[in-house]
Amino acid sequence: MEAKTPAESRTILTDLVLPGETNPLNNLFGGELLARMDRAGSIAARRHSRRIVVTASVNHVAFNHMVPLGSVVTVEAKLSRAFNTSMEVVIDVWIEDRESGKRTKANEAIYTFVAVNETGRPVHVPPIIPETNLEKERYEAALRRKQLSLVLAGKMKPAEATELKAIFQ
């Protein structure tokens, strides 16, 4: 399989926040935002793998700012790392000011997707080659996050998590 860059998976979804998507405070429901992030992330993972993908986990979500009714919301997703069959996708959420057009980062998330065949069995995905400094940082951090998840799930012994141990030494 030929390696790809994170830029090849970049996905941008832009939409408005409508009344039926808001809570009693007229802000976007968190679950609605999660669904938007899941869609953008799955498109990015599919672009990288060119396979059917399923959401394996939501590793991190930060709801840093409310997203008010009528906001223009942009969800940007891009692969940070590809493993054997799984892919980590970093998702940034931006709100556009209605008058100035200035964009503010409102939320962020990290999702993991697994590429599968038509019967739902995991299949291998191409490796990724990070290009920018940010992509390289996210690439390295992805392995630490994966090891931490495996240790917490009891699928890896802490002594085997070499990338995590290196942080504390």
N, C-alpha and C. Protein backbone atom coordinates (compact mmCIF):
# COMPACT_ATOMS: atom_id res chain seq x y z
N MET A 1 0.83 -1.19 0.00
CA MET A 1 0.00 0.00 0.00
C MET A 1 0.87 1.25 0.00
N GLU A 2 0.49 2.19 -0.80
CA GLU A 2 1.24 3.44 -0.89
C GLU A 2 0.82 4.40 0.22
N ALA A 3 1.82 4.98 0.88
CA ALA A 3 1.56 5.92 1.96
C ALA A 3 0.88 7.18 1.43
N LYS A 4 0.11 7.81 2.30
CA LYS A 4 -0.60 9.05 1.95
C LYS A 4 -0.27 10.12 2.98
N THR A 5 -0.58 11.35 2.64
CA THR A 5 -0.37 12.46 3.57
C THR A 5 -1.69 12.79 4.28
N PRO A 6 -1.61 13.44 5.43
CA PRO A 6 -2.85 13.87 6.09
C PRO A 6 -3.70 14.79 5.21
N ALA A 7 -3.05 15.60 4.38
CA ALA A 7 -3.79 16.53 3.52
C ALA A 7 -4.75 15.81 2.57
N GLU A 8 -4.40 14.59 2.20
CA GLU A 8 -5.25 13.82 1.28
C GLU A 8 -6.56 13.39 1.92
N SER A 9 -6.62 13.41 3.24
CA SER A 9 -7.85 13.01 3.94
C SER A 9 -8.67 14.20 4.41
N ARG A 10 -8.14 15.39 4.26
CA ARG A 10 -8.78 16.60 4.80
C ARG A 10 -10.23 16.72 4.34
N THR A 11 -11.11 16.92 5.31
CA THR A 11 -12.54 17.04 5.05
C THR A 11 -13.07 18.26 5.77
N ILE A 12 -13.85 19.06 5.06
CA ILE A 12 -14.42 20.27 5.65
C ILE A 12 -15.93 20.25 5.42
N LEU A 13 -16.69 20.32 6.51
CA LEU A 13 -18.15 20.41 6.46
C LEU A 13 -18.56 21.74 7.07
N THR A 14 -19.32 22.54 6.33
CA THR A 14 -19.81 23.81 6.84
C THR A 14 -21.33 23.83 6.79
N ASP A 15 -21.95 24.31 7.87
CA ASP A 15 -23.41 24.30 7.96
C ASP A 15 -23.87 25.37 8.95
N LEU A 16 -25.15 25.63 8.96
CA LEU A 16 -25.77 26.56 9.90
C LEU A 16 -26.35 25.80 11.09
N VAL A 17 -26.44 26.48 12.23
CA VAL A 17 -27.13 25.91 13.38
C VAL A 17 -28.57 26.38 13.30
N LEU A 18 -29.48 25.43 13.17
CA LEU A 18 -30.90 25.71 13.00
C LEU A 18 -31.66 25.50 14.32
N PRO A 19 -32.87 26.08 14.44
CA PRO A 19 -33.62 25.99 15.71
C PRO A 19 -33.86 24.58 16.21
N GLY A 20 -34.11 23.63 15.34
CA GLY A 20 -34.39 22.26 15.77
C GLY A 20 -33.17 21.52 16.29
N GLU A 21 -31.99 22.15 16.20
CA GLU A 21 -30.74 21.52 16.64
C GLU A 21 -30.21 22.13 17.93
N THR A 22 -31.03 22.97 18.57
CA THR A 22 -30.54 23.68 19.75
C THR A 22 -31.26 23.27 21.03
N ASN A 23 -30.58 23.54 22.13
CA ASN A 23 -31.13 23.26 23.45
C ASN A 23 -31.94 24.47 23.93
N PRO A 24 -32.51 24.43 25.14
CA PRO A 24 -33.31 25.56 25.64
C PRO A 24 -32.55 26.88 25.76
N LEU A 25 -31.22 26.84 25.73
CA LEU A 25 -30.41 28.07 25.78
C LEU A 25 -30.06 28.57 24.38
N ASN A 26 -30.67 27.95 23.37
CA ASN A 26 -30.43 28.30 21.96
C ASN A 26 -28.98 28.08 21.51
N ASN A 27 -28.36 27.03 22.06
CA ASN A 27 -27.03 26.61 21.62
C ASN A 27 -27.13 25.21 21.03
N LEU A 28 -26.25 24.91 20.11
CA LEU A 28 -26.24 23.60 19.45
C LEU A 28 -26.13 22.48 20.48
N PHE A 29 -26.99 21.48 20.36
CA PHE A 29 -26.90 20.29 21.21
C PHE A 29 -25.53 19.65 21.03
N GLY A 30 -24.93 19.20 22.13
CA GLY A 30 -23.65 18.50 22.06
C GLY A 30 -23.72 17.27 21.18
N GLY A 31 -24.82 16.53 21.28
CA GLY A 31 -24.98 15.32 20.47
C GLY A 31 -25.04 15.62 18.98
N GLU A 32 -25.63 16.75 18.63
CA GLU A 32 -25.66 17.16 17.23
C GLU A 32 -24.26 17.46 16.73
N LEU A 33 -23.47 18.13 17.56
CA LEU A 33 -22.10 18.42 17.18
C LEU A 33 -21.28 17.13 17.06
N LEU A 34 -21.50 16.20 17.99
CA LEU A 34 -20.80 14.91 17.91
C LEU A 34 -21.12 14.20 16.60
N ALA A 35 -22.38 14.25 16.18
CA ALA A 35 -22.78 13.60 14.93
C ALA A 35 -22.09 14.26 13.74
N ARG A 36 -22.02 15.59 13.75
CA ARG A 36 -21.33 16.30 12.66
C ARG A 36 -19.85 15.92 12.63
N MET A 37 -19.23 15.85 13.81
CA MET A 37 -17.82 15.47 13.87
C MET A 37 -17.62 14.03 13.39
N ASP A 38 -18.55 13.14 13.76
CA ASP A 38 -18.46 11.75 13.34
C ASP A 38 -18.55 11.64 11.82
N ARG A 39 -19.45 12.40 11.21
CA ARG A 39 -19.58 12.38 9.74
C ARG A 39 -18.31 12.87 9.07
N ALA A 40 -17.79 14.01 9.52
CA ALA A 40 -16.57 14.55 8.92
C ALA A 40 -15.40 13.59 9.12
N GLY A 41 -15.28 13.04 10.32
CA GLY A 41 -14.20 12.10 10.61
C GLY A 41 -14.28 10.84 9.76
N SER A 42 -15.50 10.34 9.58
CA SER A 42 -15.64 9.11 8.78
C SER A 42 -15.31 9.37 7.31
N ILE A 43 -15.63 10.55 6.81
CA ILE A 43 -15.28 10.88 5.43
C ILE A 43 -13.75 10.95 5.30
N ALA A 44 -13.09 11.59 6.27
CA ALA A 44 -11.63 11.68 6.23
C ALA A 44 -11.00 10.29 6.26
N ALA A 45 -11.50 9.41 7.14
CA ALA A 45 -10.96 8.06 7.24
C ALA A 45 -11.22 7.26 5.96
N ARG A 46 -12.38 7.46 5.37
CA ARG A 46 -12.68 6.75 4.12
C ARG A 46 -11.80 7.26 2.98
N ARG A 47 -11.56 8.57 2.95
CA ARG A 47 -10.67 9.11 1.92
C ARG A 47 -9.27 8.51 2.03
N HIS A 48 -8.82 8.30 3.26
CA HIS A 48 -7.49 7.72 3.45
C HIS A 48 -7.46 6.24 3.07
N SER A 49 -8.43 5.50 3.56
CA SER A 49 -8.41 4.04 3.39
C SER A 49 -9.07 3.56 2.11
N ARG A 50 -9.98 4.37 1.57
CA ARG A 50 -10.80 3.96 0.41
C ARG A 50 -11.56 2.68 0.71
N ARG A 51 -11.97 2.55 1.96
CA ARG A 51 -12.76 1.41 2.42
C ARG A 51 -13.93 1.92 3.25
N ILE A 52 -14.86 1.01 3.56
CA ILE A 52 -15.92 1.30 4.51
C ILE A 52 -15.23 1.50 5.86
N VAL A 53 -15.68 2.48 6.64
CA VAL A 53 -15.10 2.69 7.96
C VAL A 53 -16.20 2.73 9.01
N VAL A 54 -15.84 2.31 10.20
CA VAL A 54 -16.76 2.35 11.33
C VAL A 54 -16.08 3.10 12.48
N THR A 55 -16.88 3.78 13.27
CA THR A 55 -16.34 4.51 14.42
C THR A 55 -15.99 3.50 15.50
N ALA A 56 -14.73 3.50 15.91
CA ALA A 56 -14.28 2.58 16.95
C ALA A 56 -14.34 3.23 18.32
N SER A 57 -13.98 4.52 18.37
CA SER A 57 -14.03 5.21 19.67
C SER A 57 -13.98 6.71 19.47
N VAL A 58 -14.52 7.38 20.46
CA VAL A 58 -14.38 8.82 20.57
C VAL A 58 -13.39 9.00 21.72
N ASN A 59 -12.15 9.30 21.37
CA ASN A 59 -11.08 9.31 22.35
C ASN A 59 -11.07 10.57 23.20
N HIS A 60 -11.48 11.67 22.61
CA HIS A 60 -11.42 12.95 23.31
C HIS A 60 -12.41 13.90 22.67
N VAL A 61 -13.13 14.63 23.50
CA VAL A 61 -14.00 15.71 23.01
C VAL A 61 -13.88 16.85 24.00
N ALA A 62 -13.72 18.05 23.47
CA ALA A 62 -13.70 19.24 24.33
C ALA A 62 -14.71 20.23 23.79
N PHE A 63 -15.76 20.47 24.58
CA PHE A 63 -16.76 21.49 24.23
C PHE A 63 -16.30 22.79 24.90
N ASN A 64 -15.43 23.51 24.24
CA ASN A 64 -14.82 24.71 24.84
C ASN A 64 -15.71 25.95 24.77
N HIS A 65 -16.50 26.06 23.71
CA HIS A 65 -17.36 27.23 23.53
C HIS A 65 -18.74 26.79 23.07
N MET A 66 -19.74 27.52 23.50
CA MET A 66 -21.10 27.25 23.03
C MET A 66 -21.19 27.65 21.56
N VAL A 67 -22.08 26.97 20.85
CA VAL A 67 -22.29 27.26 19.44
C VAL A 67 -23.72 27.77 19.31
N PRO A 68 -23.91 29.09 19.21
CA PRO A 68 -25.26 29.66 19.23
C PRO A 68 -26.07 29.43 17.97
N LEU A 69 -27.37 29.49 18.14
CA LEU A 69 -28.33 29.41 17.05
C LEU A 69 -27.93 30.41 15.96
N GLY A 70 -27.98 29.96 14.71
CA GLY A 70 -27.66 30.82 13.58
C GLY A 70 -26.20 30.86 13.22
N SER A 71 -25.34 30.24 14.03
CA SER A 71 -23.90 30.25 13.74
C SER A 71 -23.58 29.47 12.48
N VAL A 72 -22.55 29.92 11.80
CA VAL A 72 -21.96 29.13 10.73
C VAL A 72 -20.87 28.29 11.38
N VAL A 73 -21.01 26.97 11.30
CA VAL A 73 -20.08 26.05 11.94
C VAL A 73 -19.33 25.28 10.87
N THR A 74 -18.00 25.23 11.03
CA THR A 74 -17.16 24.47 10.12
C THR A 74 -16.46 23.38 10.91
N VAL A 75 -16.61 22.14 10.45
CA VAL A 75 -15.96 20.99 11.07
C VAL A 75 -14.86 20.54 10.12
N GLU A 76 -13.62 20.55 10.61
CA GLU A 76 -12.48 20.14 9.80
C GLU A 76 -11.88 18.86 10.39
N ALA A 77 -11.74 17.84 9.55
CA ALA A 77 -11.21 16.56 10.00
C ALA A 77 -10.03 16.16 9.13
N LYS A 78 -9.03 15.56 9.78
CA LYS A 78 -7.84 15.12 9.04
C LYS A 78 -7.18 14.00 9.82
N LEU A 79 -6.69 12.99 9.12
CA LEU A 79 -5.99 11.90 9.79
C LEU A 79 -4.74 12.41 10.48
N SER A 80 -4.50 11.88 11.69
CA SER A 80 -3.25 12.18 12.37
C SER A 80 -2.31 10.98 12.29
N ARG A 81 -2.89 9.77 12.25
CA ARG A 81 -2.06 8.57 12.15
C ARG A 81 -2.89 7.40 11.67
N ALA A 82 -2.24 6.52 10.92
CA ALA A 82 -2.86 5.26 10.50
C ALA A 82 -2.07 4.13 11.14
N PHE A 83 -2.78 3.18 11.70
CA PHE A 83 -2.13 2.01 12.28
C PHE A 83 -2.38 0.83 11.33
N ASN A 84 -2.56 -0.38 11.82
CA ASN A 84 -2.79 -1.51 10.91
C ASN A 84 -4.13 -1.41 10.21
N THR A 85 -5.20 -1.36 11.02
CA THR A 85 -6.55 -1.27 10.46
C THR A 85 -7.29 -0.05 10.96
N SER A 86 -6.72 0.61 11.95
CA SER A 86 -7.39 1.78 12.54
C SER A 86 -6.72 3.07 12.13
N MET A 87 -7.49 4.15 12.25
CA MET A 87 -7.01 5.47 11.88
C MET A 87 -7.48 6.46 12.93
N GLU A 88 -6.56 7.30 13.40
CA GLU A 88 -6.94 8.37 14.31
C GLU A 88 -7.20 9.62 13.49
N VAL A 89 -8.32 10.28 13.79
CA VAL A 89 -8.71 11.50 13.08
C VAL A 89 -8.85 12.63 14.10
N VAL A 90 -8.18 13.73 13.83
CA VAL A 90 -8.30 14.92 14.67
C VAL A 90 -9.32 15.84 14.02
N ILE A 91 -10.24 16.34 14.84
CA ILE A 91 -11.34 17.16 14.34
C ILE A 91 -11.36 18.49 15.07
N ASP A 92 -11.36 19.57 14.30
CA ASP A 92 -11.45 20.92 14.85
C ASP A 92 -12.77 21.53 14.41
N VAL A 93 -13.42 22.24 15.33
CA VAL A 93 -14.70 22.88 15.05
C VAL A 93 -14.52 24.39 15.17
N TRP A 94 -14.95 25.11 14.15
CA TRP A 94 -14.79 26.55 14.09
C TRP A 94 -16.15 27.23 13.99
N ILE A 95 -16.28 28.38 14.64
CA ILE A 95 -17.48 29.21 14.52
C ILE A 95 -17.07 30.47 13.78
N GLU A 96 -17.89 30.86 12.83
CA GLU A 96 -17.62 32.06 12.07
C GLU A 96 -18.48 33.20 12.59
N ASP A 97 -17.86 34.32 12.93
CA ASP A 97 -18.61 35.48 13.39
C ASP A 97 -19.50 35.97 12.25
N ARG A 98 -20.77 36.20 12.54
CA ARG A 98 -21.74 36.56 11.51
C ARG A 98 -21.41 37.88 10.81
N GLU A 99 -20.84 38.81 11.53
CA GLU A 99 -20.59 40.13 10.95
C GLU A 99 -19.18 40.29 10.39
N SER A 100 -18.16 39.87 11.16
CA SER A 100 -16.78 40.09 10.71
C SER A 100 -16.25 38.96 9.84
N GLY A 101 -16.83 37.77 9.99
CA GLY A 101 -16.33 36.60 9.26
C GLY A 101 -15.15 35.94 9.94
N LYS A 102 -14.71 36.51 11.07
CA LYS A 102 -13.58 35.94 11.81
C LYS A 102 -13.95 34.56 12.35
N ARG A 103 -13.01 33.62 12.19
CA ARG A 103 -13.23 32.26 12.69
C ARG A 103 -12.58 32.08 14.05
N THR A 104 -13.31 31.39 14.95
CA THR A 104 -12.82 31.09 16.29
C THR A 104 -12.93 29.58 16.49
N LYS A 105 -11.86 28.98 17.00
CA LYS A 105 -11.92 27.54 17.30
C LYS A 105 -12.81 27.35 18.51
N ALA A 106 -13.87 26.56 18.34
CA ALA A 106 -14.85 26.37 19.40
C ALA A 106 -14.69 25.04 20.12
N ASN A 107 -14.38 23.99 19.38
CA ASN A 107 -14.33 22.65 19.95
C ASN A 107 -13.32 21.81 19.20
N GLU A 108 -12.98 20.67 19.80
CA GLU A 108 -12.06 19.74 19.16
C GLU A 108 -12.37 18.32 19.63
N ALA A 109 -11.93 17.37 18.84
CA ALA A 109 -12.17 15.97 19.18
C ALA A 109 -11.14 15.09 18.49
N ILE A 110 -11.00 13.89 19.02
CA ILE A 110 -10.18 12.86 18.39
C ILE A 110 -11.02 11.60 18.33
N TYR A 111 -11.22 11.11 17.13
CA TYR A 111 -11.99 9.89 16.90
C TYR A 111 -11.06 8.82 16.33
N THR A 112 -11.43 7.56 16.54
CA THR A 112 -10.72 6.44 15.90
C THR A 112 -11.72 5.67 15.05
N PHE A 113 -11.32 5.40 13.82
CA PHE A 113 -12.13 4.64 12.88
C PHE A 113 -11.36 3.40 12.47
N VAL A 114 -12.10 2.34 12.12
CA VAL A 114 -11.50 1.11 11.62
C VAL A 114 -12.04 0.86 10.23
N ALA A 115 -11.14 0.52 9.32
CA ALA A 115 -11.53 0.17 7.95
C ALA A 115 -11.98 -1.29 7.94
N VAL A 116 -13.09 -1.55 7.27
CA VAL A 116 -13.63 -2.92 7.21
C VAL A 116 -14.00 -3.27 5.77
N ASN A 117 -14.11 -4.58 5.53
CA ASN A 117 -14.57 -5.04 4.22
C ASN A 117 -16.09 -5.15 4.23
N GLU A 118 -16.64 -5.70 3.18
CA GLU A 118 -18.10 -5.77 3.03
C GLU A 118 -18.77 -6.66 4.06
N THR A 119 -18.00 -7.53 4.72
CA THR A 119 -18.58 -8.38 5.76
C THR A 119 -18.28 -7.85 7.17
N GLY A 120 -17.66 -6.68 7.23
CA GLY A 120 -17.40 -6.06 8.52
C GLY A 120 -16.09 -6.46 9.17
N ARG A 121 -15.24 -7.18 8.46
CA ARG A 121 -13.95 -7.58 9.02
C ARG A 121 -12.90 -6.48 8.78
N PRO A 122 -12.09 -6.21 9.79
CA PRO A 122 -11.06 -5.17 9.62
C PRO A 122 -10.09 -5.50 8.49
N VAL A 123 -9.68 -4.45 7.78
CA VAL A 123 -8.71 -4.59 6.69
C VAL A 123 -7.60 -3.57 6.89
N HIS A 124 -6.45 -3.86 6.33
CA HIS A 124 -5.28 -2.98 6.47
C HIS A 124 -5.50 -1.66 5.74
N VAL A 125 -4.88 -0.63 6.29
CA VAL A 125 -4.97 0.71 5.69
C VAL A 125 -3.56 1.18 5.34
N PRO A 126 -3.46 2.13 4.39
CA PRO A 126 -2.13 2.65 4.03
C PRO A 126 -1.51 3.43 5.19
N PRO A 127 -0.19 3.45 5.24
CA PRO A 127 0.47 4.29 6.26
C PRO A 127 0.31 5.77 5.91
N ILE A 128 0.67 6.61 6.86
CA ILE A 128 0.55 8.05 6.66
C ILE A 128 1.92 8.70 6.84
N ILE A 129 2.16 9.72 6.05
CA ILE A 129 3.41 10.47 6.15
C ILE A 129 3.07 11.92 6.51
N PRO A 130 3.30 12.30 7.76
CA PRO A 130 3.00 13.68 8.15
C PRO A 130 3.99 14.64 7.48
N GLU A 131 3.50 15.83 7.14
CA GLU A 131 4.36 16.80 6.45
C GLU A 131 4.66 18.02 7.29
N THR A 132 3.65 18.65 7.86
CA THR A 132 3.86 19.89 8.62
C THR A 132 4.30 19.56 10.05
N ASN A 133 4.79 20.57 10.76
CA ASN A 133 5.18 20.37 12.16
C ASN A 133 3.99 19.91 13.00
N LEU A 134 2.82 20.53 12.79
CA LEU A 134 1.63 20.13 13.54
C LEU A 134 1.26 18.68 13.23
N GLU A 135 1.32 18.30 11.97
CA GLU A 135 1.00 16.91 11.60
C GLU A 135 1.99 15.94 12.24
N LYS A 136 3.25 16.32 12.31
CA LYS A 136 4.27 15.46 12.94
C LYS A 136 4.01 15.32 14.44
N GLU A 137 3.63 16.43 15.10
CA GLU A 137 3.31 16.38 16.53
C GLU A 137 2.11 15.47 16.77
N ARG A 138 1.07 15.65 15.97
CA ARG A 138 -0.14 14.82 16.13
C ARG A 138 0.15 13.36 15.84
N TYR A 139 1.01 13.09 14.87
CA TYR A 139 1.40 11.72 14.52
C TYR A 139 2.07 11.04 15.70
N GLU A 140 3.04 11.71 16.32
CA GLU A 140 3.75 11.13 17.47
C GLU A 140 2.80 10.95 18.65
N ALA A 141 1.97 11.92 18.92
CA ALA A 141 1.05 11.85 20.06
C ALA A 141 0.02 10.74 19.88
N ALA A 142 -0.33 10.43 18.64
CA ALA A 142 -1.34 9.40 18.38
C ALA A 142 -0.90 8.04 18.93
N LEU A 143 0.38 7.73 18.82
CA LEU A 143 0.87 6.45 19.34
C LEU A 143 0.76 6.42 20.86
N ARG A 144 1.05 7.52 21.52
CA ARG A 144 0.91 7.57 22.99
C ARG A 144 -0.55 7.41 23.38
N ARG A 145 -1.44 8.08 22.65
CA ARG A 145 -2.87 7.95 22.96
C ARG A 145 -3.34 6.50 22.75
N LYS A 146 -2.86 5.87 21.69
CA LYS A 146 -3.26 4.49 21.43
C LYS A 146 -2.76 3.57 22.54
N GLN A 147 -1.51 3.75 22.94
CA GLN A 147 -0.98 2.91 24.01
C GLN A 147 -1.75 3.13 25.31
N LEU A 148 -2.07 4.37 25.62
CA LEU A 148 -2.84 4.66 26.84
C LEU A 148 -4.20 3.97 26.79
N SER A 149 -4.87 4.04 25.65
CA SER A 149 -6.18 3.38 25.50
C SER A 149 -6.05 1.87 25.67
N LEU A 150 -5.01 1.29 25.10
CA LEU A 150 -4.81 -0.16 25.22
C LEU A 150 -4.52 -0.57 26.66
N VAL A 151 -3.71 0.23 27.36
CA VAL A 151 -3.40 -0.06 28.76
C VAL A 151 -4.68 0.03 29.59
N LEU A 152 -5.45 1.10 29.41
CA LEU A 152 -6.68 1.28 30.19
C LEU A 152 -7.71 0.18 29.90
N ALA A 153 -7.70 -0.35 28.67
CA ALA A 153 -8.63 -1.42 28.31
C ALA A 153 -8.12 -2.79 28.71
N GLY A 154 -6.91 -2.86 29.28
CA GLY A 154 -6.34 -4.14 29.68
C GLY A 154 -5.81 -4.95 28.52
N LYS A 155 -5.61 -4.34 27.37
CA LYS A 155 -5.13 -5.04 26.18
C LYS A 155 -3.61 -4.90 26.00
N MET A 156 -2.99 -4.10 26.85
CA MET A 156 -1.54 -3.93 26.82
C MET A 156 -1.07 -3.76 28.25
N LYS A 157 0.05 -4.40 28.56
CA LYS A 157 0.63 -4.24 29.89
C LYS A 157 1.34 -2.89 29.96
N PRO A 158 1.22 -2.19 31.09
CA PRO A 158 1.88 -0.89 31.20
C PRO A 158 3.37 -0.93 30.85
N ALA A 159 4.04 -2.02 31.19
CA ALA A 159 5.48 -2.13 30.90
C ALA A 159 5.76 -2.17 29.40
N GLU A 160 4.76 -2.55 28.61
CA GLU A 160 4.94 -2.62 27.16
C GLU A 160 4.67 -1.29 26.46
N ALA A 161 4.13 -0.33 27.18
CA ALA A 161 3.78 0.97 26.60
C ALA A 161 5.01 1.87 26.57
N THR A 162 5.92 1.57 25.68
CA THR A 162 7.21 2.25 25.64
C THR A 162 7.09 3.75 25.37
N GLU A 163 6.18 4.17 24.54
CA GLU A 163 6.02 5.58 24.24
C GLU A 163 5.51 6.35 25.45
N LEU A 164 4.63 5.72 26.21
CA LEU A 164 4.13 6.36 27.44
C LEU A 164 5.23 6.45 28.49
N LYS A 165 5.97 5.37 28.64
CA LYS A 165 7.07 5.36 29.63
C LYS A 165 8.09 6.44 29.33
N ALA A 166 8.33 6.70 28.06
CA ALA A 166 9.34 7.69 27.67
C ALA A 166 8.96 9.10 28.13
N ILE A 167 7.68 9.37 28.27
CA ILE A 167 7.24 10.68 28.73
C ILE A 167 7.67 10.92 30.17
N PHE A 168 7.64 9.86 30.97
CA PHE A 168 7.88 10.00 32.40
C PHE A 168 9.33 9.75 32.82
N GLN A 169 10.17 9.45 31.86
CA GLN A 169 11.59 9.18 32.20
C GLN A 169 12.46 10.36 31.90
